[in-house]
Amino acid sequence: MTFETTHSVTLKIWDRSAVDHTLDAVVNDVSARANAPKHHIAVTCSGPNTYTVSLKN
């Protein structure tokens, strides 16, 4: 399950060993698409194994 907009991505990561690598890749992608530095990107756990990566307000 993946939901995307220009400034956010919500995804479900089932493999716990892939969480860090996957979130790092998504942070880089959202940062590039939003033309924002990585420290302006937020990662939140929005449910079991579900993460939202978005541009901070």
C-alpha atoms as a PDB file:
ATOM      1  CA  MET A   1       0.000   0.000   0.000  1.00  0.00           C
ATOM      2  CA  THR A   2       1.470   3.339  -1.044  1.00  0.00           C
ATOM      3  CA  PHE A   3      -0.200   6.735  -1.267  1.00  0.00           C
ATOM      4  CA  GLU A   4       1.750   9.589  -2.836  1.00  0.00           C
ATOM      5  CA  THR A   5       1.399  13.322  -3.313  1.00  0.00           C
ATOM      6  CA  THR A   6       4.050  15.844  -4.277  1.00  0.00           C
ATOM      7  CA  HIS A   7       5.006  16.412  -0.642  1.00  0.00           C
ATOM      8  CA  SER A   8       4.201  13.127   1.126  1.00  0.00           C
ATOM      9  CA  VAL A   9       4.257   9.353   0.860  1.00  0.00           C
ATOM     10  CA  THR A  10       2.467   6.844   3.079  1.00  0.00           C
ATOM     11  CA  LEU A  11       3.657   3.279   2.845  1.00  0.00           C
ATOM     12  CA  LYS A  12       3.431  -0.028   4.652  1.00  0.00           C
ATOM     13  CA  ILE A  13       6.742  -1.804   5.253  1.00  0.00           C
ATOM     14  CA  TRP A  14       6.339  -5.449   6.210  1.00  0.00           C
ATOM     15  CA  ASP A  15      10.029  -6.416   6.321  1.00  0.00           C
ATOM     16  CA  ARG A  16      11.495  -4.979   9.544  1.00  0.00           C
ATOM     17  CA  SER A  17      15.031  -5.384   8.221  1.00  0.00           C
ATOM     18  CA  ALA A  18      14.203  -3.014   5.357  1.00  0.00           C
ATOM     19  CA  VAL A  19      12.621  -0.195   7.412  1.00  0.00           C
ATOM     20  CA  ASP A  20      15.713   2.015   7.774  1.00  0.00           C
ATOM     21  CA  HIS A  21      16.851   1.626   4.180  1.00  0.00           C
ATOM     22  CA  THR A  22      13.359   2.125   2.768  1.00  0.00           C
ATOM     23  CA  LEU A  23      12.590   5.210   4.859  1.00  0.00           C
ATOM     24  CA  ASP A  24      15.961   6.746   4.002  1.00  0.00           C
ATOM     25  CA  ALA A  25      15.250   6.284   0.286  1.00  0.00           C
ATOM     26  CA  VAL A  26      11.765   7.775   0.645  1.00  0.00           C
ATOM     27  CA  VAL A  27      13.084  10.780   2.616  1.00  0.00           C
ATOM     28  CA  ASN A  28      15.574  11.432  -0.186  1.00  0.00           C
ATOM     29  CA  ASP A  29      12.829  11.130  -2.809  1.00  0.00           C
ATOM     30  CA  VAL A  30      10.369  13.451  -1.028  1.00  0.00           C
ATOM     31  CA  SER A  31      13.163  15.930  -0.353  1.00  0.00           C
ATOM     32  CA  ALA A  32      14.081  16.029  -4.037  1.00  0.00           C
ATOM     33  CA  ARG A  33      10.471  16.299  -5.262  1.00  0.00           C
ATOM     34  CA  ALA A  34       9.638  19.050  -2.767  1.00  0.00           C
ATOM     35  CA  ASN A  35      12.968  20.805  -3.417  1.00  0.00           C
ATOM     36  CA  ALA A  36      13.554  20.958   0.344  1.00  0.00           C
ATOM     37  CA  PRO A  37      16.460  19.966   2.587  1.00  0.00           C
ATOM     38  CA  LYS A  38      16.184  16.616   4.349  1.00  0.00           C
ATOM     39  CA  HIS A  39      15.838  18.230   7.773  1.00  0.00           C
ATOM     40  CA  HIS A  40      12.485  19.656   6.599  1.00  0.00           C
ATOM     41  CA  ILE A  41      11.112  16.131   6.077  1.00  0.00           C
ATOM     42  CA  ALA A  42       9.137  14.382   8.841  1.00  0.00           C
ATOM     43  CA  VAL A  43       8.714  10.626   9.299  1.00  0.00           C
ATOM     44  CA  THR A  44       5.768   9.500  11.411  1.00  0.00           C
ATOM     45  CA  CYS A  45       4.497   6.071  12.305  1.00  0.00           C
ATOM     46  CA  SER A  46       0.858   6.282  11.288  1.00  0.00           C
ATOM     47  CA  GLY A  47      -0.160   2.712  12.092  1.00  0.00           C
ATOM     48  CA  PRO A  48       1.188  -0.823  12.422  1.00  0.00           C
ATOM     49  CA  ASN A  49       4.102  -1.051   9.956  1.00  0.00           C
ATOM     50  CA  THR A  50       2.750   2.100   8.261  1.00  0.00           C
ATOM     51  CA  TYR A  51       4.866   5.217   7.880  1.00  0.00           C
ATOM     52  CA  THR A  52       4.163   8.657   6.464  1.00  0.00           C
ATOM     53  CA  VAL A  53       7.043  10.712   5.095  1.00  0.00           C
ATOM     54  CA  SER A  54       6.075  14.323   4.472  1.00  0.00           C
ATOM     55  CA  LEU A  55       7.261  17.903   4.223  1.00  0.00           C
ATOM     56  CA  LYS A  56       7.057  19.685   7.585  1.00  0.00           C
ATOM     57  CA  ASN A  57       4.814  22.754   7.655  1.00  0.00           C
END
